[in-house]
Amino acid sequence: MQFIRSLYFTNRFYLSLASLACLFVLTFFVPLLLVLAKVAVAVLVLLTLVDLLLLYRNKAGVHASRSMQEKLSNGSDNDVYLYLENKYGFTLHTEVIDELPFQFQKRDSLFKAIVPEGRTHIIHYTLRPTKRGSYSFGAINVFAMSVLQLVKRRYKFAQDQEVPVYPSFIQMRQYELLTISNRLHEFGLKKIRRIGQSTEFEQIRPYVAGDDQRTINWKATARRAELMVNSYQDEKSQQVYCLIDKGRVMQMPFEGLSLLDYAINASLVISNIALKKEDKAGIITFSDKISNILPAQRKADQLRRILEVLYNQKTLYQETDYERLYGTIRRTLKQRSLLLLFTNFETLNSAQRQLPYLRALARHHLLVVIFFENSELHSLLHQPATTTEEVYTKAIAEKFTHDKRQVVKELQQHGIHAILTLPKDLTVNTINKYLELKARGLL
């Protein structure tokens, strides 16, 4: 039974049978071809038996394994490697089917490879998950063929793996490396000119070209007989909280990711940058109730704790309660903090209903409201309208876009910072705003 389950015939075998059938049909009209047809049948049977012998004389002619990270990054391309080892004494033609988690809904993960005798072949492909949670990989199916390619022998390697999908730590590392190498402009991050300077004095050092002449310390210059300047550093240990709305307005998907997942990925990146700037990072998630409060700290394991909190977040299909959020923040946060509120307002009326609570938060903290443009409407507005229906559709889209811009103006009129961004630009725009506020010394 195991032999039968592992035995498959190739397309080449069935094409050969079809050709033989046609040849036997021709023998009714040309009887002399009957001998040739019988010889062809004998040759096919012989070659098939040889092929079976080549594939089944070795009990373990192939070994396969899968290699990937212990955690996958949500919304990013994750590398997966399949290792094929040929233990036969001839070059092997293989077809490999990797059983992917059902979340990907992919049924075409078929890879073909030619593996020389005694060699190992590596198959590389990428996966882009769009939901956080646990993903289950199934077995690796390897269909081995000899040079004749008439018969396939299936090897099944039960490599059942449970892999968690976390917020995009790959994106976080990219921004971290760009920050270290001073190449943030490649991702659209702006160089913020410092307005004024921090009140935290760091040291007196020799003047170098490009230093602000207003920082020259004339007394130290007189003592050392060379230009000396006062050096200042960014204020540290400031609290940065990411407030993540988990209400139904954050369920809308763009490019496979929900707005909640975009907000979670951006929160992870900005928290990491805040910790690198020696600020304290914290997380608050909420909808109709407060789900999680992770106090802002600067401990060595704070980023891991943030990652664990963000991993478990799910959209709650409830109306967001901003009054409860305001009350919780007033009771919990005693120090003035930077609050990055990730939410979404589709209309001006929806923003005006929450405006009293946002204004109350802005009186005690530095509040930045971050909400989203509809990228589908954004694309529609840049397409020419050729029919009456398209004109009406474009007018409605313009109305929704206009309401979004009005929300920004309404917030700014009350002294609240606002960011209206496309989902794909969320991380870059949030980092730019954080760096701008740090440079201006507003916190």
Protein backbone atom coordinates (compact mmCIF):
# COMPACT_ATOMS: atom_id res chain seq x y z
CA MET A 1 0.00 0.00 0.00
CA GLN A 2 2.84 2.41 0.80
CA PHE A 3 4.37 1.61 -2.59
CA ILE A 4 1.12 2.41 -4.40
CA ARG A 5 0.62 5.66 -2.51
CA SER A 6 4.08 6.87 -3.42
CA LEU A 7 3.83 5.91 -7.12
CA TYR A 8 2.81 8.50 -9.72
CA PHE A 9 3.07 8.51 -13.50
CA THR A 10 4.32 11.59 -15.33
CA ASN A 11 2.83 13.45 -18.26
CA ARG A 12 5.53 11.94 -20.45
CA PHE A 13 4.24 8.45 -19.61
CA TYR A 14 0.65 9.33 -20.48
CA LEU A 15 1.73 11.04 -23.70
CA SER A 16 3.59 7.88 -24.62
CA LEU A 17 0.44 5.83 -23.99
CA ALA A 18 -1.59 8.23 -26.12
CA SER A 19 0.97 7.93 -28.92
CA LEU A 20 0.80 4.13 -28.72
CA ALA A 21 -2.98 4.24 -28.88
CA CYS A 22 -2.79 6.36 -32.02
CA LEU A 23 -0.25 3.97 -33.48
CA PHE A 24 -2.57 0.98 -32.88
CA VAL A 25 -5.40 2.88 -34.56
CA LEU A 26 -3.16 3.37 -37.61
CA THR A 27 -2.53 -0.39 -37.77
CA PHE A 28 -6.14 -0.87 -38.94
CA PHE A 29 -5.22 1.05 -42.06
CA VAL A 30 -1.56 0.02 -42.33
CA PRO A 31 -1.21 -3.54 -40.93
CA LEU A 32 2.57 -3.44 -41.32
CA LEU A 33 2.72 -1.00 -38.39
CA LEU A 34 1.43 -3.64 -35.97
CA VAL A 35 4.89 -5.07 -35.36
CA LEU A 36 6.26 -1.58 -34.72
CA ALA A 37 3.43 -0.87 -32.26
CA LYS A 38 4.12 -4.07 -30.31
CA VAL A 39 7.82 -3.25 -30.13
CA ALA A 40 6.99 0.25 -28.90
CA VAL A 41 4.77 -1.23 -26.15
CA ALA A 42 7.55 -3.55 -25.07
CA VAL A 43 10.06 -0.67 -25.01
CA LEU A 44 7.68 1.48 -22.93
CA VAL A 45 7.09 -1.34 -20.44
CA LEU A 46 10.83 -2.01 -20.21
CA LEU A 47 11.71 1.65 -19.69
CA THR A 48 8.98 1.99 -17.06
CA LEU A 49 10.33 -1.01 -15.13
CA VAL A 50 13.87 0.42 -15.35
CA ASP A 51 12.58 3.74 -14.09
CA LEU A 52 10.82 2.03 -11.18
CA LEU A 53 13.98 0.12 -10.33
CA LEU A 54 16.08 3.29 -10.34
CA LEU A 55 13.71 5.14 -8.03
CA TYR A 56 12.77 2.37 -5.60
CA ARG A 57 16.04 0.51 -5.10
CA ASN A 58 17.10 3.20 -2.62
CA LYS A 59 14.81 3.40 0.40
CA ALA A 60 15.78 6.99 1.25
CA GLY A 61 17.00 8.57 -1.95
CA VAL A 62 15.95 12.12 -1.07
CA HIS A 63 15.95 14.22 2.07
CA ALA A 64 14.20 17.58 2.38
CA SER A 65 13.92 20.16 5.14
CA ARG A 66 12.53 23.66 5.62
CA SER A 67 14.35 26.58 7.20
CA MET A 68 12.91 29.93 8.24
CA GLN A 69 12.93 32.38 11.11
CA GLU A 70 11.27 31.40 14.37
CA LYS A 71 8.91 34.35 13.91
CA LEU A 72 7.49 35.83 10.72
CA SER A 73 7.13 39.56 10.17
CA ASN A 74 3.64 40.81 9.33
CA GLY A 75 3.35 42.79 6.10
CA SER A 76 6.96 42.06 5.08
CA ASP A 77 8.57 39.53 2.74
CA ASN A 78 9.90 36.65 4.85
CA ASP A 79 12.51 34.27 3.45
CA VAL A 80 11.82 30.52 3.40
CA TYR A 81 14.44 27.96 2.31
CA LEU A 82 13.87 24.35 1.25
CA TYR A 83 16.94 22.08 1.25
CA LEU A 84 16.90 19.07 -1.10
CA GLU A 85 19.60 16.42 -0.75
CA ASN A 86 20.05 13.88 -3.55
CA LYS A 87 21.23 10.48 -2.26
CA TYR A 88 20.74 8.66 -5.55
CA GLY A 89 23.57 7.73 -7.88
CA PHE A 90 22.23 9.86 -10.74
CA THR A 91 20.98 13.39 -11.40
CA LEU A 92 17.51 13.82 -9.99
CA HIS A 93 14.62 15.81 -11.46
CA THR A 94 12.28 16.94 -8.71
CA GLU A 95 8.98 18.70 -8.18
CA VAL A 96 8.46 20.10 -4.68
CA ILE A 97 5.15 21.11 -3.11
CA ASP A 98 5.38 22.86 0.23
CA GLU A 99 2.14 22.78 2.22
CA LEU A 100 1.65 26.42 3.20
CA PRO A 101 -0.63 27.71 5.99
CA PHE A 102 -4.24 28.20 4.93
CA GLN A 103 -4.01 31.94 5.64
CA PHE A 104 -2.03 32.45 2.42
CA GLN A 105 -4.66 30.73 0.26
CA LYS A 106 -1.96 29.62 -2.17
CA ARG A 107 -2.38 26.37 -4.09
CA ASP A 108 0.42 26.86 -6.60
CA SER A 109 3.52 26.49 -4.44
CA LEU A 110 5.17 24.06 -6.89
CA PHE A 111 8.92 24.28 -7.41
CA LYS A 112 10.99 22.36 -9.95
CA ALA A 113 14.67 21.62 -9.43
CA ILE A 114 17.42 19.47 -10.91
CA VAL A 115 19.73 18.09 -8.21
CA PRO A 116 23.06 16.51 -9.25
CA GLU A 117 24.24 13.27 -7.71
CA GLY A 118 25.25 13.67 -4.05
CA ARG A 119 24.52 17.41 -4.04
CA THR A 120 22.14 19.64 -2.09
CA HIS A 121 19.88 22.13 -3.85
CA ILE A 122 18.35 25.15 -2.10
CA ILE A 123 14.94 26.49 -3.08
CA HIS A 124 14.24 30.02 -1.90
CA TYR A 125 10.89 31.78 -1.85
CA THR A 126 9.23 34.53 0.18
CA LEU A 127 5.95 34.79 2.05
CA ARG A 128 4.10 37.98 2.98
CA PRO A 129 1.60 37.37 5.78
CA THR A 130 -1.09 39.99 6.27
CA LYS A 131 -2.50 38.87 9.62
CA ARG A 132 -0.89 38.35 12.97
CA GLY A 133 -1.31 35.03 14.75
CA SER A 134 -0.14 31.42 14.57
CA TYR A 135 0.56 29.90 11.15
CA SER A 136 0.81 26.13 10.63
CA PHE A 137 3.07 24.74 7.90
CA GLY A 138 2.39 21.19 6.69
CA ALA A 139 4.58 18.58 5.05
CA ILE A 140 7.12 18.92 2.25
CA ASN A 141 6.18 16.73 -0.73
CA VAL A 142 9.04 15.83 -3.07
CA PHE A 143 8.29 14.04 -6.35
CA ALA A 144 11.53 12.43 -7.55
CA MET A 145 12.17 11.47 -11.18
CA SER A 146 15.10 9.86 -12.95
CA VAL A 147 16.42 10.94 -16.35
CA LEU A 148 13.69 8.87 -18.05
CA GLN A 149 10.95 10.89 -16.29
CA LEU A 150 8.24 8.26 -16.79
CA VAL A 151 7.54 7.58 -13.12
CA LYS A 152 7.52 9.83 -10.05
CA ARG A 153 8.17 8.68 -6.52
CA ARG A 154 6.71 10.83 -3.80
CA TYR A 155 8.63 11.47 -0.61
CA LYS A 156 6.71 13.15 2.20
CA PHE A 157 8.60 14.84 5.01
CA ALA A 158 6.30 15.65 7.89
CA GLN A 159 7.73 18.99 8.99
CA ASP A 160 4.69 20.39 10.75
CA GLN A 161 5.72 23.79 12.10
CA GLU A 162 3.79 26.34 14.13
CA VAL A 163 5.22 29.78 13.41
CA PRO A 164 3.88 32.97 15.02
CA VAL A 165 3.48 36.09 12.88
CA TYR A 166 4.50 39.21 14.79
CA PRO A 167 4.27 42.92 13.93
CA SER A 168 6.77 43.91 11.27
CA PHE A 169 10.12 43.63 13.07
CA ILE A 170 11.79 43.48 9.61
CA GLN A 171 10.56 47.01 8.91
CA MET A 172 11.71 48.06 12.37
CA ARG A 173 15.24 46.74 11.70
CA GLN A 174 15.36 48.47 8.30
CA TYR A 175 14.69 51.87 9.85
CA GLU A 176 17.11 51.12 12.67
CA LEU A 177 19.92 50.33 10.20
CA LEU A 178 19.12 53.39 8.10
CA THR A 179 19.26 55.52 11.23
CA ILE A 180 22.70 54.16 12.11
CA SER A 181 24.03 54.61 8.56
CA ASN A 182 22.45 58.08 8.19
CA ARG A 183 20.46 57.04 5.10
CA LEU A 184 16.96 57.80 6.33
CA HIS A 185 16.31 60.06 3.33
CA GLU A 186 16.12 56.96 1.13
CA PHE A 187 12.79 56.09 2.77
CA GLY A 188 11.47 59.65 2.56
CA LEU A 189 12.51 60.82 6.02
CA LYS A 190 13.26 64.52 6.17
CA LYS A 191 16.24 66.20 7.74
CA ILE A 192 14.71 68.42 10.41
CA ARG A 193 16.51 71.67 11.10
CA ARG A 194 16.78 72.22 14.82
CA ILE A 195 14.94 75.35 15.94
CA GLY A 196 16.62 76.72 19.03
CA GLN A 197 18.30 74.12 21.19
CA SER A 198 17.74 71.89 24.13
CA THR A 199 18.37 73.21 27.61
CA GLU A 200 20.45 70.14 28.49
CA PHE A 201 24.13 71.10 28.38
CA GLU A 202 26.48 68.27 27.38
CA GLN A 203 30.07 69.55 27.07
CA ILE A 204 32.45 72.23 25.82
CA ARG A 205 34.35 71.14 22.72
CA PRO A 206 36.55 72.68 19.99
CA TYR A 207 34.78 74.52 17.19
CA VAL A 208 34.46 72.72 13.85
CA ALA A 209 33.25 74.10 10.55
CA GLY A 210 29.47 74.25 10.45
CA ASP A 211 28.87 74.82 14.17
CA ASP A 212 26.44 77.56 15.12
CA GLN A 213 28.52 80.61 15.99
CA ARG A 214 25.98 81.56 18.64
CA THR A 215 27.14 78.58 20.73
CA ILE A 216 30.72 79.86 21.02
CA ASN A 217 31.86 79.94 24.65
CA TRP A 218 34.06 83.07 24.77
CA LYS A 219 35.44 82.44 28.25
CA ALA A 220 36.60 78.95 27.33
CA THR A 221 37.94 80.32 24.05
CA ALA A 222 40.04 82.88 25.92
CA ARG A 223 41.46 80.24 28.26
CA ARG A 224 42.33 77.73 25.51
CA ALA A 225 43.36 80.28 22.85
CA GLU A 226 41.12 78.47 20.33
CA LEU A 227 37.45 78.63 19.50
CA MET A 228 35.36 76.51 21.88
CA VAL A 229 31.62 75.91 21.63
CA ASN A 230 28.92 74.70 24.00
CA SER A 231 27.49 71.34 22.93
CA TYR A 232 23.90 70.49 23.76
CA GLN A 233 22.07 67.20 23.59
CA ASP A 234 18.48 66.20 23.03
CA GLU A 235 16.37 66.01 26.12
CA LYS A 236 16.02 62.41 27.23
CA SER A 237 13.64 60.26 29.26
CA GLN A 238 10.57 61.85 27.71
CA GLN A 239 7.48 59.65 27.56
CA VAL A 240 6.18 58.58 24.14
CA TYR A 241 2.90 56.67 24.06
CA CYS A 242 1.30 55.06 21.02
CA LEU A 243 -2.49 55.07 21.44
CA ILE A 244 -3.97 52.46 19.09
CA ASP A 245 -7.66 52.55 18.28
CA LYS A 246 -9.04 48.99 17.86
CA GLY A 247 -12.59 50.02 16.99
CA ARG A 248 -14.41 49.08 13.81
CA VAL A 249 -13.00 52.08 11.92
CA MET A 250 -9.60 50.33 11.93
CA GLN A 251 -10.80 47.16 10.22
CA MET A 252 -10.64 48.57 6.67
CA PRO A 253 -7.99 46.70 4.60
CA PHE A 254 -5.50 48.20 2.14
CA GLU A 255 -3.03 46.05 0.20
CA GLY A 256 -3.95 43.07 2.37
CA LEU A 257 -3.27 44.76 5.73
CA SER A 258 -5.93 46.29 7.94
CA LEU A 259 -5.49 49.83 9.27
CA LEU A 260 -4.94 48.28 12.69
CA ASP A 261 -1.97 46.30 11.38
CA TYR A 262 -0.52 49.40 9.73
CA ALA A 263 -0.84 51.23 13.06
CA ILE A 264 0.74 48.33 14.97
CA ASN A 265 3.71 48.12 12.59
CA ALA A 266 4.26 51.88 12.79
CA SER A 267 3.97 51.79 16.61
CA LEU A 268 6.70 49.15 16.81
CA VAL A 269 9.05 51.21 14.62
CA ILE A 270 8.44 54.52 16.42
CA SER A 271 8.80 52.84 19.83
CA ASN A 272 12.17 51.42 18.80
CA ILE A 273 13.36 54.82 17.55
CA ALA A 274 12.15 56.50 20.76
CA LEU A 275 14.11 53.98 22.82
CA LYS A 276 17.19 54.60 20.66
CA LYS A 277 16.74 58.32 21.37
CA GLU A 278 16.76 57.37 25.08
CA ASP A 279 13.11 58.28 25.52
CA LYS A 280 10.56 56.07 27.24
CA ALA A 281 8.11 54.16 25.04
CA GLY A 282 4.70 52.82 26.03
CA ILE A 283 1.53 51.42 24.46
CA ILE A 284 -2.19 51.93 25.14
CA THR A 285 -4.79 50.04 23.10
CA PHE A 286 -8.49 50.81 23.34
CA SER A 287 -11.90 50.58 21.71
CA ASP A 288 -15.12 50.67 23.76
CA LYS A 289 -12.87 49.82 26.72
CA ILE A 290 -9.20 50.02 27.55
CA SER A 291 -7.53 46.78 26.43
CA ASN A 292 -3.86 47.19 27.33
CA ILE A 293 -1.70 49.71 29.14
CA LEU A 294 2.05 49.19 28.93
CA PRO A 295 3.72 51.98 30.97
CA ALA A 296 6.41 53.95 29.17
CA GLN A 297 9.83 52.73 30.31
CA ARG A 298 13.37 52.50 29.01
CA LYS A 299 14.32 49.07 30.31
CA ALA A 300 16.42 46.65 28.30
CA ASP A 301 13.45 44.36 27.61
CA GLN A 302 10.92 47.11 26.89
CA LEU A 303 10.94 46.52 23.13
CA ARG A 304 10.24 42.81 23.68
CA ARG A 305 7.33 43.67 25.96
CA ILE A 306 5.97 46.10 23.35
CA LEU A 307 6.24 43.39 20.69
CA GLU A 308 4.34 40.90 22.84
CA VAL A 309 1.56 43.40 23.57
CA LEU A 310 1.17 44.32 19.89
CA TYR A 311 1.16 40.68 18.79
CA ASN A 312 -2.10 39.91 20.58
CA GLN A 313 -4.16 42.87 19.36
CA LYS A 314 -7.33 42.26 17.36
CA THR A 315 -9.93 44.62 15.95
CA LEU A 316 -13.01 44.91 18.14
CA TYR A 317 -16.15 45.74 16.16
CA GLN A 318 -17.34 48.38 18.62
CA GLU A 319 -17.66 52.15 18.66
CA THR A 320 -14.56 53.73 20.16
CA ASP A 321 -15.07 55.35 23.56
CA TYR A 322 -12.84 58.44 23.70
CA GLU A 323 -14.32 59.56 27.02
CA ARG A 324 -13.05 56.38 28.65
CA LEU A 325 -9.66 56.89 26.98
CA TYR A 326 -9.43 60.44 28.34
CA GLY A 327 -10.33 59.34 31.86
CA THR A 328 -7.77 56.53 31.82
CA ILE A 329 -4.96 58.79 30.58
CA ARG A 330 -5.74 61.45 33.18
CA ARG A 331 -5.54 58.86 35.95
CA THR A 332 -2.52 56.99 34.59
CA LEU A 333 -0.16 59.54 33.03
CA LYS A 334 1.05 62.09 35.56
CA GLN A 335 3.92 63.40 33.41
CA ARG A 336 3.44 65.42 30.23
CA SER A 337 3.89 62.94 27.35
CA LEU A 338 3.85 62.70 23.59
CA LEU A 339 0.66 60.87 22.58
CA LEU A 340 0.59 59.40 19.06
CA LEU A 341 -3.06 58.53 18.48
CA PHE A 342 -3.64 56.08 15.61
CA THR A 343 -7.29 56.20 14.57
CA ASN A 344 -9.46 56.98 11.56
CA PHE A 345 -12.09 59.60 10.80
CA GLU A 346 -14.13 59.14 7.64
CA THR A 347 -16.22 62.31 8.02
CA LEU A 348 -15.93 65.71 9.65
CA ASN A 349 -18.91 64.95 11.90
CA SER A 350 -17.24 61.85 13.31
CA ALA A 351 -14.17 63.92 14.24
CA GLN A 352 -16.23 66.73 15.76
CA ARG A 353 -18.00 64.26 18.07
CA GLN A 354 -14.63 63.30 19.58
CA LEU A 355 -13.13 66.79 19.50
CA PRO A 356 -13.95 67.72 23.14
CA TYR A 357 -11.99 64.72 24.44
CA LEU A 358 -9.10 65.35 22.04
CA ARG A 359 -8.92 68.98 23.16
CA ALA A 360 -8.91 67.88 26.79
CA LEU A 361 -6.02 65.49 26.11
CA ALA A 362 -4.10 68.22 24.25
CA ARG A 363 -4.30 70.53 27.29
CA HIS A 364 -2.23 68.12 29.40
CA HIS A 365 -0.12 66.32 26.79
CA LEU A 366 1.36 66.83 23.35
CA LEU A 367 -1.22 65.08 21.17
CA VAL A 368 -0.71 63.98 17.54
CA VAL A 369 -3.78 62.55 15.82
CA ILE A 370 -2.83 60.21 12.97
CA PHE A 371 -5.53 59.05 10.57
CA PHE A 372 -5.70 57.68 7.07
CA GLU A 373 -6.41 58.66 3.51
CA ASN A 374 -8.32 56.12 1.47
CA SER A 375 -5.74 54.97 -1.07
CA GLU A 376 -8.47 53.61 -3.37
CA LEU A 377 -10.13 57.04 -3.52
CA HIS A 378 -6.71 58.62 -3.94
CA SER A 379 -6.12 56.51 -7.06
CA LEU A 380 -9.63 57.21 -8.36
CA LEU A 381 -9.15 60.99 -8.16
CA HIS A 382 -6.13 60.79 -10.46
CA GLN A 383 -8.00 58.93 -13.19
CA PRO A 384 -9.85 60.87 -15.91
CA ALA A 385 -13.66 60.58 -15.89
CA THR A 386 -15.06 59.63 -19.30
CA THR A 387 -18.71 58.81 -18.51
CA THR A 388 -21.46 60.46 -16.50
CA GLU A 389 -21.31 57.68 -13.91
CA GLU A 390 -17.56 58.15 -13.48
CA VAL A 391 -18.08 61.90 -13.04
CA TYR A 392 -20.55 61.30 -10.21
CA THR A 393 -18.28 58.68 -8.62
CA LYS A 394 -15.31 61.04 -8.79
CA ALA A 395 -17.38 63.87 -7.24
CA ILE A 396 -18.32 61.64 -4.30
CA ALA A 397 -14.69 60.62 -3.87
CA GLU A 398 -13.65 64.28 -3.86
CA LYS A 399 -16.25 64.98 -1.17
CA PHE A 400 -14.80 62.27 1.11
CA THR A 401 -11.26 63.54 0.48
CA HIS A 402 -12.32 67.12 1.20
CA ASP A 403 -13.84 66.00 4.53
CA LYS A 404 -10.51 64.43 5.50
CA ARG A 405 -8.67 67.69 4.83
CA GLN A 406 -11.29 69.58 6.84
CA VAL A 407 -10.66 67.29 9.80
CA VAL A 408 -6.96 68.23 9.71
CA LYS A 409 -7.84 71.96 9.70
CA GLU A 410 -10.34 71.50 12.52
CA LEU A 411 -7.76 69.77 14.71
CA GLN A 412 -5.05 72.32 13.95
CA GLN A 413 -7.39 75.19 14.84
CA HIS A 414 -7.56 73.75 18.37
CA GLY A 415 -3.81 73.31 18.70
CA ILE A 416 -3.79 69.58 17.98
CA HIS A 417 -1.12 68.20 15.64
CA ALA A 418 -2.57 66.03 12.88
CA ILE A 419 -1.18 63.68 10.25
CA LEU A 420 -3.30 62.61 7.27
CA THR A 421 -1.44 59.85 5.51
CA LEU A 422 -1.76 57.01 3.06
CA PRO A 423 -1.48 53.66 4.87
CA LYS A 424 1.77 52.77 3.08
CA ASP A 425 3.36 56.09 4.16
CA LEU A 426 2.23 55.86 7.79
CA THR A 427 5.58 54.83 9.30
CA VAL A 428 7.64 57.45 7.47
CA ASN A 429 5.23 60.29 8.26
CA THR A 430 5.02 59.30 11.92
CA ILE A 431 8.81 59.22 12.30
CA ASN A 432 9.11 62.60 10.58
CA LYS A 433 6.59 64.10 13.00
CA TYR A 434 8.36 62.63 16.04
CA LEU A 435 11.73 63.98 14.90
CA GLU A 436 10.19 67.36 14.14
CA LEU A 437 8.65 67.64 17.60
CA LYS A 438 11.95 66.61 19.20
CA ALA A 439 13.86 69.17 17.12
CA ARG A 440 11.43 71.95 18.01
CA GLY A 441 11.58 71.05 21.69
CA LEU A 442 7.78 71.02 22.03
CA LEU A 443 7.64 68.08 24.42
